[in-house]
Amino acid sequence: MPPRRRGASGFRGVRVRPSGRFTVEIRAGGFRLTLGTYNTPELAARAYDAAAWRFRLPGRDMNFPDVESLEEAEFLAPPPCLVDDEDRRRHRQVQRRIAIAERDEQLMRQWRAQFPNDVDNTDAFFANLRAQRRSNRRHRRAVAAFELENPNTTWTENDPRWDDIWTETTSDDE
């Protein structure tokens, strides 16, 4: 049987993503485990080797045959990326802001198409838009505060509407 081909990265279990980063996955015991995405193929290969040692794969399946123990492989491997609830909350918040900015650009294009001679009114347009958002945000906070005080709330613990209570009041000036 001929040896297995290695991908474009040159390492076993490492593939190049369209973004230019390197993803690692290992197949063992009849299943496939994705180990993460890394900036360099060497880091990805080190992560693969640490997992291969944990699964007790033979040395011929390793990317770096000079590593002699699981401890050494784990020492050389990059730390795993852990995602917690705070990371998810921050990501949702950033995605909301990006969506708002994209919507602003779309509305501005529509405004300019509808009123080509009224370029000076863009400040008024955005002031009106900010006032609407501020009003909506205040309403959502009032509803969330009511739900917080109500012992029979129907909101779940991870409901994103709770975020409206905890946002800083300075965010009204955005």
N, C-alpha and C. Protein backbone atom coordinates (compact mmCIF):
# COMPACT_ATOMS: atom_id res chain seq x y z
N MET A 1 0.84 -1.17 0.00
CA MET A 1 0.00 0.00 0.00
C MET A 1 0.89 1.24 0.00
N PRO A 2 0.65 2.19 -0.91
CA PRO A 2 1.50 3.38 -0.96
C PRO A 2 1.24 4.28 0.25
N PRO A 3 2.23 5.11 0.63
CA PRO A 3 2.03 5.99 1.78
C PRO A 3 0.93 7.02 1.49
N ARG A 4 0.28 7.44 2.58
CA ARG A 4 -0.79 8.43 2.43
C ARG A 4 -0.24 9.75 1.96
N ARG A 5 -0.99 10.39 1.08
CA ARG A 5 -0.58 11.72 0.62
C ARG A 5 -0.82 12.74 1.72
N ARG A 6 0.06 13.67 1.82
CA ARG A 6 -0.13 14.78 2.76
C ARG A 6 -0.67 15.95 1.96
N GLY A 7 -1.50 16.77 2.59
CA GLY A 7 -2.16 17.87 1.90
C GLY A 7 -1.20 18.98 1.50
N ALA A 8 -1.77 20.09 1.08
CA ALA A 8 -0.98 21.24 0.62
C ALA A 8 -0.13 21.82 1.74
N SER A 9 -0.52 21.56 2.99
CA SER A 9 0.23 22.10 4.12
C SER A 9 1.53 21.34 4.33
N GLY A 10 1.60 20.09 3.86
CA GLY A 10 2.79 19.28 4.05
C GLY A 10 2.76 18.47 5.33
N PHE A 11 1.68 18.55 6.10
CA PHE A 11 1.58 17.83 7.36
C PHE A 11 0.33 16.95 7.36
N ARG A 12 0.42 15.86 8.08
CA ARG A 12 -0.70 14.93 8.20
C ARG A 12 -1.79 15.56 9.07
N GLY A 13 -3.05 15.51 8.59
CA GLY A 13 -4.20 16.00 9.36
C GLY A 13 -4.41 17.49 9.29
N VAL A 14 -3.58 18.21 8.54
CA VAL A 14 -3.66 19.68 8.47
C VAL A 14 -4.12 20.09 7.09
N ARG A 15 -5.15 20.93 7.03
CA ARG A 15 -5.65 21.44 5.75
C ARG A 15 -5.63 22.96 5.75
N VAL A 16 -5.43 23.52 4.58
CA VAL A 16 -5.42 24.98 4.44
C VAL A 16 -6.85 25.44 4.19
N ARG A 17 -7.31 26.43 4.96
CA ARG A 17 -8.63 27.02 4.79
C ARG A 17 -8.55 28.12 3.73
N PRO A 18 -9.67 28.50 3.13
CA PRO A 18 -9.64 29.60 2.15
C PRO A 18 -9.14 30.91 2.75
N SER A 19 -9.28 31.07 4.06
CA SER A 19 -8.82 32.29 4.72
C SER A 19 -7.31 32.33 4.88
N GLY A 20 -6.63 31.20 4.60
CA GLY A 20 -5.18 31.15 4.76
C GLY A 20 -4.76 30.54 6.09
N ARG A 21 -5.72 30.26 6.96
CA ARG A 21 -5.41 29.60 8.23
C ARG A 21 -5.42 28.09 8.02
N PHE A 22 -4.98 27.36 9.02
CA PHE A 22 -4.82 25.91 8.90
C PHE A 22 -5.71 25.21 9.93
N THR A 23 -6.53 24.29 9.46
CA THR A 23 -7.42 23.55 10.34
C THR A 23 -6.88 22.14 10.53
N VAL A 24 -7.12 21.57 11.71
CA VAL A 24 -6.59 20.27 12.06
C VAL A 24 -7.74 19.34 12.43
N GLU A 25 -7.71 18.16 11.88
CA GLU A 25 -8.64 17.12 12.34
C GLU A 25 -7.93 15.79 12.33
N ILE A 26 -8.35 14.94 13.25
CA ILE A 26 -7.73 13.63 13.40
C ILE A 26 -8.83 12.58 13.33
N ARG A 27 -8.52 11.47 12.68
CA ARG A 27 -9.46 10.35 12.59
C ARG A 27 -8.87 9.20 13.39
N ALA A 28 -9.66 8.73 14.35
CA ALA A 28 -9.21 7.60 15.17
C ALA A 28 -10.42 6.94 15.78
N GLY A 29 -10.37 5.64 15.88
CA GLY A 29 -11.45 4.92 16.52
C GLY A 29 -12.79 5.02 15.81
N GLY A 30 -12.77 5.24 14.51
CA GLY A 30 -14.02 5.30 13.75
C GLY A 30 -14.72 6.65 13.80
N PHE A 31 -14.09 7.67 14.34
CA PHE A 31 -14.71 8.99 14.32
C PHE A 31 -13.68 10.05 13.97
N ARG A 32 -14.17 11.24 13.66
CA ARG A 32 -13.31 12.36 13.26
C ARG A 32 -13.46 13.46 14.29
N LEU A 33 -12.35 14.00 14.76
CA LEU A 33 -12.34 15.04 15.77
C LEU A 33 -11.63 16.27 15.21
N THR A 34 -12.32 17.40 15.18
CA THR A 34 -11.70 18.65 14.74
C THR A 34 -11.00 19.28 15.93
N LEU A 35 -9.72 19.60 15.76
CA LEU A 35 -8.91 20.12 16.87
C LEU A 35 -8.83 21.63 16.90
N GLY A 36 -9.18 22.30 15.81
CA GLY A 36 -9.15 23.76 15.81
C GLY A 36 -8.50 24.33 14.57
N THR A 37 -8.34 25.64 14.57
CA THR A 37 -7.75 26.37 13.46
C THR A 37 -6.57 27.17 13.99
N TYR A 38 -5.47 27.16 13.25
CA TYR A 38 -4.22 27.79 13.70
C TYR A 38 -3.66 28.67 12.59
N ASN A 39 -2.78 29.58 12.97
CA ASN A 39 -2.20 30.53 12.01
C ASN A 39 -1.09 29.92 11.17
N THR A 40 -0.38 28.95 11.69
CA THR A 40 0.73 28.35 10.95
C THR A 40 0.54 26.84 10.85
N PRO A 41 1.07 26.22 9.79
CA PRO A 41 0.91 24.77 9.67
C PRO A 41 1.70 24.01 10.74
N GLU A 42 2.80 24.58 11.22
CA GLU A 42 3.58 23.90 12.25
C GLU A 42 2.80 23.78 13.56
N LEU A 43 2.12 24.87 13.97
CA LEU A 43 1.31 24.82 15.19
C LEU A 43 0.19 23.79 15.03
N ALA A 44 -0.42 23.78 13.87
CA ALA A 44 -1.51 22.82 13.61
C ALA A 44 -0.97 21.39 13.68
N ALA A 45 0.22 21.16 13.10
CA ALA A 45 0.81 19.82 13.12
C ALA A 45 1.17 19.41 14.55
N ARG A 46 1.62 20.35 15.36
CA ARG A 46 1.93 20.04 16.77
C ARG A 46 0.66 19.63 17.52
N ALA A 47 -0.45 20.32 17.24
CA ALA A 47 -1.73 19.97 17.88
C ALA A 47 -2.17 18.57 17.43
N TYR A 48 -1.96 18.25 16.16
CA TYR A 48 -2.29 16.92 15.63
C TYR A 48 -1.47 15.86 16.36
N ASP A 49 -0.17 16.11 16.51
CA ASP A 49 0.70 15.12 17.16
C ASP A 49 0.29 14.88 18.61
N ALA A 50 -0.08 15.94 19.34
CA ALA A 50 -0.50 15.77 20.73
C ALA A 50 -1.75 14.89 20.79
N ALA A 51 -2.70 15.12 19.88
CA ALA A 51 -3.91 14.30 19.85
C ALA A 51 -3.57 12.87 19.43
N ALA A 52 -2.65 12.71 18.49
CA ALA A 52 -2.26 11.37 18.05
C ALA A 52 -1.63 10.59 19.20
N TRP A 53 -0.83 11.26 20.03
CA TRP A 53 -0.26 10.59 21.20
C TRP A 53 -1.37 10.18 22.16
N ARG A 54 -2.37 11.06 22.37
CA ARG A 54 -3.47 10.72 23.27
C ARG A 54 -4.26 9.51 22.78
N PHE A 55 -4.41 9.40 21.44
CA PHE A 55 -5.13 8.26 20.87
C PHE A 55 -4.24 7.04 20.68
N ARG A 56 -2.98 7.16 21.06
CA ARG A 56 -2.00 6.07 20.97
C ARG A 56 -1.84 5.57 19.53
N LEU A 57 -1.77 6.51 18.59
CA LEU A 57 -1.52 6.15 17.20
C LEU A 57 -0.05 5.79 17.03
N PRO A 58 0.29 4.98 16.03
CA PRO A 58 1.70 4.60 15.84
C PRO A 58 2.56 5.80 15.42
N GLY A 59 3.85 5.67 15.65
CA GLY A 59 4.79 6.76 15.35
C GLY A 59 4.80 7.16 13.89
N ARG A 60 4.47 6.23 12.99
CA ARG A 60 4.47 6.58 11.56
C ARG A 60 3.34 7.56 11.22
N ASP A 61 2.34 7.71 12.12
CA ASP A 61 1.24 8.65 11.89
C ASP A 61 1.52 10.04 12.46
N MET A 62 2.71 10.24 12.99
CA MET A 62 3.06 11.54 13.59
C MET A 62 3.71 12.44 12.54
N ASN A 63 3.57 13.75 12.75
CA ASN A 63 4.22 14.72 11.88
C ASN A 63 5.67 14.95 12.29
N PHE A 64 5.93 14.88 13.59
CA PHE A 64 7.28 15.12 14.10
C PHE A 64 7.73 13.86 14.84
N PRO A 65 8.50 12.98 14.16
CA PRO A 65 8.90 11.72 14.79
C PRO A 65 9.91 11.88 15.93
N ASP A 66 10.51 13.07 16.07
CA ASP A 66 11.50 13.27 17.12
C ASP A 66 10.87 13.45 18.51
N VAL A 67 9.56 13.64 18.58
CA VAL A 67 8.87 13.77 19.87
C VAL A 67 8.70 12.38 20.44
N GLU A 68 9.15 12.19 21.71
CA GLU A 68 9.23 10.84 22.26
C GLU A 68 8.19 10.50 23.32
N SER A 69 7.37 11.47 23.74
CA SER A 69 6.37 11.17 24.77
C SER A 69 5.17 12.08 24.63
N LEU A 70 4.09 11.68 25.28
CA LEU A 70 2.87 12.49 25.29
C LEU A 70 3.13 13.83 25.96
N GLU A 71 3.88 13.83 27.06
CA GLU A 71 4.17 15.07 27.78
C GLU A 71 4.92 16.06 26.89
N GLU A 72 5.88 15.57 26.15
CA GLU A 72 6.65 16.44 25.26
C GLU A 72 5.76 16.97 24.13
N ALA A 73 4.89 16.11 23.59
CA ALA A 73 3.98 16.54 22.53
C ALA A 73 3.01 17.61 23.04
N GLU A 74 2.49 17.43 24.26
CA GLU A 74 1.57 18.42 24.82
C GLU A 74 2.29 19.71 25.17
N PHE A 75 3.56 19.62 25.57
CA PHE A 75 4.34 20.82 25.86
C PHE A 75 4.57 21.64 24.59
N LEU A 76 4.83 20.98 23.47
CA LEU A 76 5.11 21.66 22.21
C LEU A 76 3.84 22.12 21.49
N ALA A 77 2.69 21.52 21.83
CA ALA A 77 1.44 21.86 21.15
C ALA A 77 0.92 23.20 21.66
N PRO A 78 0.23 23.96 20.81
CA PRO A 78 -0.37 25.22 21.26
C PRO A 78 -1.53 24.94 22.21
N PRO A 79 -1.83 25.90 23.09
CA PRO A 79 -2.95 25.68 24.01
C PRO A 79 -4.27 25.66 23.25
N PRO A 80 -5.24 24.88 23.71
CA PRO A 80 -6.53 24.85 23.02
C PRO A 80 -7.28 26.16 23.19
N CYS A 81 -8.10 26.48 22.22
CA CYS A 81 -8.91 27.69 22.27
C CYS A 81 -10.21 27.37 22.99
N LEU A 82 -10.44 28.03 24.11
CA LEU A 82 -11.66 27.80 24.88
C LEU A 82 -12.60 28.98 24.69
N VAL A 83 -13.85 28.70 24.40
CA VAL A 83 -14.85 29.75 24.19
C VAL A 83 -15.85 29.65 25.33
N ASP A 84 -16.05 30.76 26.04
CA ASP A 84 -17.01 30.75 27.14
C ASP A 84 -18.19 31.66 26.81
N ASP A 85 -19.11 31.78 27.75
CA ASP A 85 -20.32 32.58 27.54
C ASP A 85 -20.00 34.05 27.30
N GLU A 86 -18.97 34.56 27.96
CA GLU A 86 -18.60 35.97 27.77
C GLU A 86 -18.11 36.21 26.35
N ASP A 87 -17.35 35.28 25.78
CA ASP A 87 -16.91 35.41 24.39
C ASP A 87 -18.10 35.40 23.44
N ARG A 88 -19.05 34.51 23.70
CA ARG A 88 -20.25 34.46 22.85
C ARG A 88 -21.05 35.75 22.93
N ARG A 89 -21.20 36.29 24.15
CA ARG A 89 -21.94 37.55 24.33
C ARG A 89 -21.26 38.69 23.58
N ARG A 90 -19.93 38.77 23.71
CA ARG A 90 -19.19 39.82 23.01
C ARG A 90 -19.32 39.67 21.50
N HIS A 91 -19.27 38.43 21.01
CA HIS A 91 -19.40 38.18 19.58
C HIS A 91 -20.79 38.61 19.08
N ARG A 92 -21.84 38.27 19.83
CA ARG A 92 -23.20 38.70 19.44
C ARG A 92 -23.30 40.22 19.39
N GLN A 93 -22.68 40.88 20.37
CA GLN A 93 -22.72 42.34 20.42
C GLN A 93 -22.00 42.95 19.22
N VAL A 94 -20.85 42.41 18.87
CA VAL A 94 -20.12 42.92 17.71
C VAL A 94 -20.90 42.67 16.43
N GLN A 95 -21.52 41.48 16.32
CA GLN A 95 -22.30 41.18 15.12
C GLN A 95 -23.50 42.11 14.99
N ARG A 96 -24.13 42.45 16.12
CA ARG A 96 -25.24 43.42 16.07
C ARG A 96 -24.76 44.77 15.57
N ARG A 97 -23.61 45.22 16.08
CA ARG A 97 -23.09 46.52 15.65
C ARG A 97 -22.73 46.53 14.18
N ILE A 98 -22.17 45.43 13.70
CA ILE A 98 -21.85 45.34 12.27
C ILE A 98 -23.12 45.38 11.44
N ALA A 99 -24.15 44.66 11.88
CA ALA A 99 -25.42 44.66 11.16
C ALA A 99 -26.04 46.06 11.14
N ILE A 100 -25.92 46.78 12.24
CA ILE A 100 -26.45 48.15 12.29
C ILE A 100 -25.69 49.04 11.33
N ALA A 101 -24.36 48.92 11.29
CA ALA A 101 -23.57 49.74 10.38
C ALA A 101 -23.90 49.43 8.92
N GLU A 102 -24.07 48.15 8.61
CA GLU A 102 -24.43 47.79 7.23
C GLU A 102 -25.81 48.32 6.87
N ARG A 103 -26.74 48.26 7.82
CA ARG A 103 -28.08 48.79 7.58
C ARG A 103 -28.02 50.31 7.38
N ASP A 104 -27.18 50.99 8.16
CA ASP A 104 -27.02 52.44 7.98
C ASP A 104 -26.54 52.77 6.57
N GLU A 105 -25.55 52.00 6.10
CA GLU A 105 -25.04 52.26 4.75
C GLU A 105 -26.11 52.02 3.69
N GLN A 106 -26.89 50.97 3.88
CA GLN A 106 -27.97 50.69 2.93
C GLN A 106 -29.02 51.80 2.94
N LEU A 107 -29.41 52.25 4.12
CA LEU A 107 -30.39 53.34 4.22
C LEU A 107 -29.84 54.63 3.63
N MET A 108 -28.54 54.87 3.82
CA MET A 108 -27.93 56.09 3.27
C MET A 108 -27.93 56.04 1.74
N ARG A 109 -27.64 54.87 1.17
CA ARG A 109 -27.70 54.74 -0.29
C ARG A 109 -29.11 55.01 -0.80
N GLN A 110 -30.11 54.46 -0.09
CA GLN A 110 -31.50 54.70 -0.48
C GLN A 110 -31.85 56.18 -0.35
N TRP A 111 -31.41 56.81 0.71
CA TRP A 111 -31.67 58.23 0.93
C TRP A 111 -31.08 59.07 -0.20
N ARG A 112 -29.82 58.79 -0.53
CA ARG A 112 -29.16 59.56 -1.60
C ARG A 112 -29.82 59.32 -2.95
N ALA A 113 -30.30 58.09 -3.20
CA ALA A 113 -30.98 57.81 -4.47
C ALA A 113 -32.32 58.53 -4.53
N GLN A 114 -33.00 58.61 -3.39
CA GLN A 114 -34.30 59.25 -3.37
C GLN A 114 -34.20 60.77 -3.39
N PHE A 115 -33.20 61.33 -2.72
CA PHE A 115 -33.02 62.77 -2.64
C PHE A 115 -31.61 63.15 -3.08
N PRO A 116 -31.32 63.13 -4.38
CA PRO A 116 -29.95 63.40 -4.83
C PRO A 116 -29.49 64.83 -4.56
N ASN A 117 -30.38 65.79 -4.48
CA ASN A 117 -30.00 67.19 -4.26
C ASN A 117 -29.96 67.54 -2.78
N ASP A 118 -30.30 66.63 -1.90
CA ASP A 118 -30.43 66.92 -0.48
C ASP A 118 -29.29 66.31 0.33
N VAL A 119 -28.07 66.48 -0.12
CA VAL A 119 -26.92 65.88 0.55
C VAL A 119 -26.70 66.50 1.92
N ASP A 120 -27.08 67.77 2.11
CA ASP A 120 -26.85 68.45 3.39
C ASP A 120 -27.74 67.91 4.50
N ASN A 121 -28.79 67.20 4.17
CA ASN A 121 -29.71 66.68 5.18
C ASN A 121 -29.27 65.34 5.76
N THR A 122 -28.07 64.88 5.42
CA THR A 122 -27.62 63.60 5.96
C THR A 122 -27.46 63.65 7.47
N ASP A 123 -27.02 64.80 8.01
CA ASP A 123 -26.90 64.91 9.47
C ASP A 123 -28.26 64.77 10.14
N ALA A 124 -29.27 65.37 9.56
CA ALA A 124 -30.61 65.26 10.11
C ALA A 124 -31.11 63.81 10.01
N PHE A 125 -30.79 63.16 8.92
CA PHE A 125 -31.19 61.77 8.73
C PHE A 125 -30.60 60.89 9.83
N PHE A 126 -29.30 61.02 10.07
CA PHE A 126 -28.66 60.18 11.08
C PHE A 126 -29.07 60.58 12.49
N ALA A 127 -29.35 61.86 12.73
CA ALA A 127 -29.84 62.26 14.04
C ALA A 127 -31.20 61.62 14.32
N ASN A 128 -32.05 61.59 13.32
CA ASN A 128 -33.36 60.95 13.46
C ASN A 128 -33.20 59.45 13.71
N LEU A 129 -32.30 58.82 12.97
CA LEU A 129 -32.05 57.39 13.14
C LEU A 129 -31.52 57.08 14.54
N ARG A 130 -30.59 57.92 15.05
CA ARG A 130 -30.06 57.72 16.40
C ARG A 130 -31.16 57.89 17.45
N ALA A 131 -32.04 58.86 17.25
CA ALA A 131 -33.14 59.08 18.20
C ALA A 131 -34.09 57.88 18.22
N GLN A 132 -34.36 57.30 17.07
CA GLN A 132 -35.23 56.11 17.02
C GLN A 132 -34.58 54.95 17.75
N ARG A 133 -33.30 54.76 17.52
CA ARG A 133 -32.59 53.66 18.18
C ARG A 133 -32.55 53.86 19.69
N ARG A 134 -32.29 55.09 20.13
CA ARG A 134 -32.25 55.40 21.55
C ARG A 134 -33.60 55.09 22.20
N SER A 135 -34.67 55.47 21.52
CA SER A 135 -36.01 55.22 22.03
C SER A 135 -36.27 53.71 22.11
N ASN A 136 -35.90 52.97 21.08
CA ASN A 136 -36.07 51.52 21.10
C ASN A 136 -35.27 50.87 22.21
N ARG A 137 -34.04 51.34 22.40
CA ARG A 137 -33.17 50.79 23.44
C ARG A 137 -33.75 51.05 24.82
N ARG A 138 -34.28 52.25 25.05
CA ARG A 138 -34.88 52.57 26.34
C ARG A 138 -36.10 51.69 26.60
N HIS A 139 -36.89 51.47 25.57
CA HIS A 139 -38.07 50.61 25.71
C HIS A 139 -37.66 49.18 26.06
N ARG A 140 -36.65 48.65 25.36
CA ARG A 140 -36.18 47.29 25.64
C ARG A 140 -35.64 47.18 27.06
N ARG A 141 -34.91 48.20 27.52
CA ARG A 141 -34.39 48.18 28.88
C ARG A 141 -35.51 48.21 29.90
N ALA A 142 -36.55 48.99 29.63
CA ALA A 142 -37.68 49.06 30.56
C ALA A 142 -38.37 47.69 30.64
N VAL A 143 -38.56 47.04 29.50
CA VAL A 143 -39.18 45.71 29.49
C VAL A 143 -38.30 44.72 30.23
N ALA A 144 -36.99 44.76 30.00
CA ALA A 144 -36.07 43.84 30.67
C ALA A 144 -36.06 44.09 32.18
N ALA A 145 -36.09 45.36 32.60
CA ALA A 145 -36.12 45.67 34.03
C ALA A 145 -37.40 45.14 34.66
N PHE A 146 -38.52 45.27 33.96
CA PHE A 146 -39.78 44.72 34.45
C PHE A 146 -39.69 43.21 34.61
N GLU A 147 -39.10 42.53 33.61
CA GLU A 147 -38.95 41.08 33.68
C GLU A 147 -38.03 40.67 34.83
N LEU A 148 -37.03 41.49 35.12
CA LEU A 148 -36.10 41.20 36.20
C LEU A 148 -36.81 41.26 37.55
N GLU A 149 -37.71 42.22 37.71
CA GLU A 149 -38.44 42.38 38.97
C GLU A 149 -39.59 41.38 39.09
N ASN A 150 -40.08 40.87 37.98
CA ASN A 150 -41.21 39.95 37.98
C ASN A 150 -40.73 38.54 38.33
N PRO A 151 -41.24 37.95 39.43
CA PRO A 151 -40.77 36.61 39.80
C PRO A 151 -41.26 35.52 38.85
N ASN A 152 -42.29 35.78 38.06
CA ASN A 152 -42.84 34.79 37.14
C ASN A 152 -42.41 35.08 35.71
N THR A 153 -41.15 35.41 35.52
CA THR A 153 -40.67 35.77 34.19
C THR A 153 -40.70 34.56 33.25
N THR A 154 -40.92 34.82 31.99
CA THR A 154 -40.93 33.76 30.98
C THR A 154 -39.63 33.71 30.21
N TRP A 155 -38.71 34.62 30.51
CA TRP A 155 -37.43 34.64 29.80
C TRP A 155 -36.52 33.56 30.37
N THR A 156 -35.76 32.91 29.48
CA THR A 156 -34.78 31.92 29.94
C THR A 156 -33.54 32.64 30.45
N GLU A 157 -32.67 31.89 31.11
CA GLU A 157 -31.48 32.49 31.70
C GLU A 157 -30.53 33.05 30.65
N ASN A 158 -30.45 32.42 29.47
CA ASN A 158 -29.52 32.85 28.42
C ASN A 158 -30.17 33.74 27.37
N ASP A 159 -31.33 34.29 27.66
CA ASP A 159 -32.03 35.13 26.70
C ASP A 159 -31.22 36.39 26.41
N PRO A 160 -30.95 36.71 25.13
CA PRO A 160 -30.12 37.89 24.82
C PRO A 160 -30.78 39.21 25.22
N ARG A 161 -32.09 39.18 25.52
CA ARG A 161 -32.74 40.42 25.95
C ARG A 161 -32.24 40.88 27.30
N TRP A 162 -31.66 39.96 28.12
CA TRP A 162 -31.10 40.37 29.40
C TRP A 162 -29.91 41.30 29.20
N ASP A 163 -29.23 41.20 28.06
CA ASP A 163 -28.07 42.06 27.79
C ASP A 163 -28.44 43.53 27.80
N ASP A 164 -29.69 43.86 27.48
CA ASP A 164 -30.11 45.26 27.44
C ASP A 164 -30.09 45.90 28.82
N ILE A 165 -30.26 45.10 29.86
CA ILE A 165 -30.22 45.67 31.21
C ILE A 165 -28.80 46.05 31.58
N TRP A 166 -27.85 45.21 31.19
CA TRP A 166 -26.48 45.35 31.69
C TRP A 166 -25.61 46.26 30.83
N THR A 167 -26.09 46.71 29.68
CA THR A 167 -25.27 47.60 28.87
C THR A 167 -25.12 48.94 29.57
N GLU A 168 -24.01 49.56 29.36
CA GLU A 168 -23.75 50.83 30.05
C GLU A 168 -24.64 51.92 29.50
N THR A 169 -24.95 52.89 30.34
CA THR A 169 -25.81 53.99 29.90
C THR A 169 -25.08 54.90 28.93
N THR A 170 -23.77 54.83 28.90
CA THR A 170 -23.02 55.66 27.94
C THR A 170 -23.21 55.19 26.51
N SER A 171 -23.72 53.96 26.33
CA SER A 171 -23.93 53.47 24.97
C SER A 171 -25.07 54.21 24.29
N ASP A 172 -25.85 55.00 25.03
CA ASP A 172 -26.92 55.80 24.43
C ASP A 172 -26.36 56.89 23.53
N ASP A 173 -25.09 57.26 23.72
CA ASP A 173 -24.51 58.36 22.95
C ASP A 173 -23.93 57.90 21.63
N GLU A 174 -24.03 56.60 21.33
CA GLU A 174 -23.43 56.08 20.09
C GLU A 174 -24.08 56.69 18.87
